[in-house]
Amino acid sequence: MTDIKTKILVVEDEESIRRFITLNLSAVGYEVGEADTGEKALAAGNQRV
């Protein structure tokens, strides 16, 4: 059986909040990406497609 990780992109301009969310999601097994602007989030989403 393949163990597929769910991927989440955290978009938050406040670094401390973004890191807090990222660390907590990673701790429970999610694969997490980060972006600090909407433009960077769109670019990250386009790279994944």
PDB file of N, CA and C in Angstrom:
ATOM      1  N   MET A   1       0.840  -1.180   0.000  1.00  0.00           N
ATOM      2  CA  MET A   1       0.000   0.000   0.000  1.00  0.00           C
ATOM      3  C   MET A   1       0.887   1.246   0.000  1.00  0.00           C
ATOM      4  N   THR A   2       0.578   2.214  -0.843  1.00  0.00           N
ATOM      5  CA  THR A   2       1.356   3.442  -0.941  1.00  0.00           C
ATOM      6  C   THR A   2       0.859   4.462   0.065  1.00  0.00           C
ATOM      7  N   ASP A   3       1.793   5.077   0.762  1.00  0.00           N
ATOM      8  CA  ASP A   3       1.450   6.113   1.740  1.00  0.00           C
ATOM      9  C   ASP A   3       1.618   7.473   1.062  1.00  0.00           C
ATOM     10  N   ILE A   4       0.502   8.083   0.636  1.00  0.00           N
ATOM     11  CA  ILE A   4       0.535   9.359  -0.056  1.00  0.00           C
ATOM     12  C   ILE A   4       0.316  10.480   0.951  1.00  0.00           C
ATOM     13  N   LYS A   5       1.232  11.453   0.954  1.00  0.00           N
ATOM     14  CA  LYS A   5       1.099  12.599   1.848  1.00  0.00           C
ATOM     15  C   LYS A   5       0.239  13.671   1.201  1.00  0.00           C
ATOM     16  N   THR A   6      -0.630  14.268   1.991  1.00  0.00           N
ATOM     17  CA  THR A   6      -1.410  15.401   1.532  1.00  0.00           C
ATOM     18  C   THR A   6      -0.523  16.635   1.544  1.00  0.00           C
ATOM     19  N   LYS A   7      -0.597  17.421   0.482  1.00  0.00           N
ATOM     20  CA  LYS A   7       0.232  18.619   0.355  1.00  0.00           C
ATOM     21  C   LYS A   7      -0.617  19.852   0.652  1.00  0.00           C
ATOM     22  N   ILE A   8      -0.073  20.750   1.448  1.00  0.00           N
ATOM     23  CA  ILE A   8      -0.748  21.990   1.819  1.00  0.00           C
ATOM     24  C   ILE A   8       0.199  23.157   1.572  1.00  0.00           C
ATOM     25  N   LEU A   9      -0.331  24.217   0.992  1.00  0.00           N
ATOM     26  CA  LEU A   9       0.435  25.437   0.797  1.00  0.00           C
ATOM     27  C   LEU A   9      -0.062  26.477   1.795  1.00  0.00           C
ATOM     28  N   VAL A  10       0.811  26.891   2.684  1.00  0.00           N
ATOM     29  CA  VAL A  10       0.478  27.907   3.687  1.00  0.00           C
ATOM     30  C   VAL A  10       0.857  29.273   3.114  1.00  0.00           C
ATOM     31  N   VAL A  11      -0.119  30.158   3.019  1.00  0.00           N
ATOM     32  CA  VAL A  11       0.114  31.503   2.492  1.00  0.00           C
ATOM     33  C   VAL A  11      -0.172  32.495   3.611  1.00  0.00           C
ATOM     34  N   GLU A  12       0.877  33.137   4.091  1.00  0.00           N
ATOM     35  CA  GLU A  12       0.771  34.074   5.224  1.00  0.00           C
ATOM     36  C   GLU A  12       1.959  35.022   5.163  1.00  0.00           C
ATOM     37  N   ASP A  13       1.691  36.311   5.256  1.00  0.00           N
ATOM     38  CA  ASP A  13       2.791  37.271   5.157  1.00  0.00           C
ATOM     39  C   ASP A  13       3.557  37.446   6.460  1.00  0.00           C
ATOM     40  N   GLU A  14       2.972  37.062   7.571  1.00  0.00           N
ATOM     41  CA  GLU A  14       3.640  37.164   8.873  1.00  0.00           C
ATOM     42  C   GLU A  14       4.473  35.895   9.094  1.00  0.00           C
ATOM     43  N   GLU A  15       5.803  36.049   9.069  1.00  0.00           N
ATOM     44  CA  GLU A  15       6.685  34.875   9.111  1.00  0.00           C
ATOM     45  C   GLU A  15       6.468  33.991  10.339  1.00  0.00           C
ATOM     46  N   SER A  16       6.309  34.572  11.505  1.00  0.00           N
ATOM     47  CA  SER A  16       6.166  33.750  12.718  1.00  0.00           C
ATOM     48  C   SER A  16       4.881  32.919  12.681  1.00  0.00           C
ATOM     49  N   ILE A  17       3.827  33.479  12.164  1.00  0.00           N
ATOM     50  CA  ILE A  17       2.568  32.724  12.048  1.00  0.00           C
ATOM     51  C   ILE A  17       2.712  31.625  10.999  1.00  0.00           C
ATOM     52  N   ARG A  18       3.317  31.969   9.857  1.00  0.00           N
ATOM     53  CA  ARG A  18       3.530  30.986   8.787  1.00  0.00           C
ATOM     54  C   ARG A  18       4.358  29.813   9.279  1.00  0.00           C
ATOM     55  N   ARG A  19       5.438  30.095  10.007  1.00  0.00           N
ATOM     56  CA  ARG A  19       6.293  29.015  10.529  1.00  0.00           C
ATOM     57  C   ARG A  19       5.554  28.157  11.553  1.00  0.00           C
ATOM     58  N   PHE A  20       4.752  28.798  12.420  1.00  0.00           N
ATOM     59  CA  PHE A  20       3.977  28.066  13.419  1.00  0.00           C
ATOM     60  C   PHE A  20       3.022  27.079  12.745  1.00  0.00           C
ATOM     61  N   ILE A  21       2.301  27.557  11.748  1.00  0.00           N
ATOM     62  CA  ILE A  21       1.355  26.704  11.022  1.00  0.00           C
ATOM     63  C   ILE A  21       2.095  25.584  10.304  1.00  0.00           C
ATOM     64  N   THR A  22       3.190  25.939   9.632  1.00  0.00           N
ATOM     65  CA  THR A  22       3.969  24.960   8.882  1.00  0.00           C
ATOM     66  C   THR A  22       4.515  23.869   9.796  1.00  0.00           C
ATOM     67  N   LEU A  23       5.093  24.251  10.910  1.00  0.00           N
ATOM     68  CA  LEU A  23       5.658  23.262  11.841  1.00  0.00           C
ATOM     69  C   LEU A  23       4.588  22.326  12.392  1.00  0.00           C
ATOM     70  N   ASN A  24       3.431  22.883  12.722  1.00  0.00           N
ATOM     71  CA  ASN A  24       2.362  22.046  13.269  1.00  0.00           C
ATOM     72  C   ASN A  24       1.770  21.101  12.227  1.00  0.00           C
ATOM     73  N   LEU A  25       1.600  21.563  11.005  1.00  0.00           N
ATOM     74  CA  LEU A  25       1.094  20.675   9.954  1.00  0.00           C
ATOM     75  C   LEU A  25       2.111  19.591   9.618  1.00  0.00           C
ATOM     76  N   SER A  26       3.380  19.953   9.575  1.00  0.00           N
ATOM     77  CA  SER A  26       4.434  18.966   9.310  1.00  0.00           C
ATOM     78  C   SER A  26       4.479  17.906  10.410  1.00  0.00           C
ATOM     79  N   ALA A  27       4.269  18.332  11.628  1.00  0.00           N
ATOM     80  CA  ALA A  27       4.339  17.424  12.769  1.00  0.00           C
ATOM     81  C   ALA A  27       3.275  16.327  12.706  1.00  0.00           C
ATOM     82  N   VAL A  28       2.155  16.615  12.050  1.00  0.00           N
ATOM     83  CA  VAL A  28       1.098  15.605  11.951  1.00  0.00           C
ATOM     84  C   VAL A  28       1.085  14.906  10.598  1.00  0.00           C
ATOM     85  N   GLY A  29       2.149  15.116   9.800  1.00  0.00           N
ATOM     86  CA  GLY A  29       2.340  14.314   8.613  1.00  0.00           C
ATOM     87  C   GLY A  29       2.042  14.941   7.270  1.00  0.00           C
ATOM     88  N   TYR A  30       1.681  16.208   7.240  1.00  0.00           N
ATOM     89  CA  TYR A  30       1.427  16.856   5.960  1.00  0.00           C
ATOM     90  C   TYR A  30       2.733  17.305   5.320  1.00  0.00           C
ATOM     91  N   GLU A  31       2.762  17.313   3.989  1.00  0.00           N
ATOM     92  CA  GLU A  31       3.857  17.928   3.249  1.00  0.00           C
ATOM     93  C   GLU A  31       3.450  19.389   3.050  1.00  0.00           C
ATOM     94  N   VAL A  32       4.276  20.311   3.531  1.00  0.00           N
ATOM     95  CA  VAL A  32       3.871  21.717   3.577  1.00  0.00           C
ATOM     96  C   VAL A  32       4.816  22.595   2.774  1.00  0.00           C
ATOM     97  N   GLY A  33       4.218  23.446   1.957  1.00  0.00           N
ATOM     98  CA  GLY A  33       4.959  24.483   1.256  1.00  0.00           C
ATOM     99  C   GLY A  33       4.577  25.821   1.870  1.00  0.00           C
ATOM    100  N   GLU A  34       5.399  26.824   1.637  1.00  0.00           N
ATOM    101  CA  GLU A  34       5.138  28.142   2.208  1.00  0.00           C
ATOM    102  C   GLU A  34       5.229  29.218   1.142  1.00  0.00           C
ATOM    103  N   ALA A  35       4.413  30.254   1.302  1.00  0.00           N
ATOM    104  CA  ALA A  35       4.498  31.439   0.461  1.00  0.00           C
ATOM    105  C   ALA A  35       4.112  32.628   1.323  1.00  0.00           C
ATOM    106  N   ASP A  36       4.795  33.760   1.086  1.00  0.00           N
ATOM    107  CA  ASP A  36       4.486  34.944   1.887  1.00  0.00           C
ATOM    108  C   ASP A  36       3.691  35.995   1.120  1.00  0.00           C
ATOM    109  N   THR A  37       3.397  35.713  -0.152  1.00  0.00           N
ATOM    110  CA  THR A  37       2.554  36.616  -0.941  1.00  0.00           C
ATOM    111  C   THR A  37       1.631  35.788  -1.832  1.00  0.00           C
ATOM    112  N   GLY A  38       0.571  36.426  -2.282  1.00  0.00           N
ATOM    113  CA  GLY A  38      -0.328  35.755  -3.207  1.00  0.00           C
ATOM    114  C   GLY A  38       0.349  35.397  -4.516  1.00  0.00           C
ATOM    115  N   GLU A  39       1.215  36.279  -4.998  1.00  0.00           N
ATOM    116  CA  GLU A  39       1.941  36.004  -6.240  1.00  0.00           C
ATOM    117  C   GLU A  39       2.803  34.754  -6.113  1.00  0.00           C
ATOM    118  N   LYS A  40       3.504  34.638  -5.004  1.00  0.00           N
ATOM    119  CA  LYS A  40       4.352  33.457  -4.792  1.00  0.00           C
ATOM    120  C   LYS A  40       3.502  32.198  -4.647  1.00  0.00           C
ATOM    121  N   ALA A  41       2.328  32.321  -4.034  1.00  0.00           N
ATOM    122  CA  ALA A  41       1.425  31.176  -3.891  1.00  0.00           C
ATOM    123  C   ALA A  41       0.944  30.702  -5.255  1.00  0.00           C
ATOM    124  N   LEU A  42       0.561  31.647  -6.120  1.00  0.00           N
ATOM    125  CA  LEU A  42       0.125  31.277  -7.469  1.00  0.00           C
ATOM    126  C   LEU A  42       1.249  30.624  -8.253  1.00  0.00           C
ATOM    127  N   ALA A  43       2.454  31.160  -8.130  1.00  0.00           N
ATOM    128  CA  ALA A  43       3.602  30.579  -8.817  1.00  0.00           C
ATOM    129  C   ALA A  43       3.876  29.155  -8.323  1.00  0.00           C
ATOM    130  N   ALA A  44       3.782  28.951  -7.014  1.00  0.00           N
ATOM    131  CA  ALA A  44       4.003  27.610  -6.441  1.00  0.00           C
ATOM    132  C   ALA A  44       2.931  26.647  -6.924  1.00  0.00           C
ATOM    133  N   GLY A  45       1.691  27.120  -6.990  1.00  0.00           N
ATOM    134  CA  GLY A  45       0.611  26.272  -7.486  1.00  0.00           C
ATOM    135  C   GLY A  45       0.794  25.899  -8.939  1.00  0.00           C
ATOM    136  N   ASN A  46       1.247  26.835  -9.743  1.00  0.00           N
ATOM    137  CA  ASN A  46       1.470  26.567 -11.158  1.00  0.00           C
ATOM    138  C   ASN A  46       2.616  25.585 -11.373  1.00  0.00           C
ATOM    139  N   GLN A  47       3.611  25.576 -10.512  1.00  0.00           N
ATOM    140  CA  GLN A  47       4.732  24.649 -10.635  1.00  0.00           C
ATOM    141  C   GLN A  47       4.306  23.224 -10.318  1.00  0.00           C
ATOM    142  N   ARG A  48       3.308  23.061  -9.468  1.00  0.00           N
ATOM    143  CA  ARG A  48       2.851  21.742  -9.055  1.00  0.00           C
ATOM    144  C   ARG A  48       1.989  21.059 -10.106  1.00  0.00           C
ATOM    145  N   VAL A  49       1.413  21.813 -11.022  1.00  0.00           N
ATOM    146  CA  VAL A  49       0.474  21.267 -12.000  1.00  0.00           C
ATOM    147  C   VAL A  49       1.186  20.549 -13.098  1.00  0.00           C
TER     148      VAL A  49
END
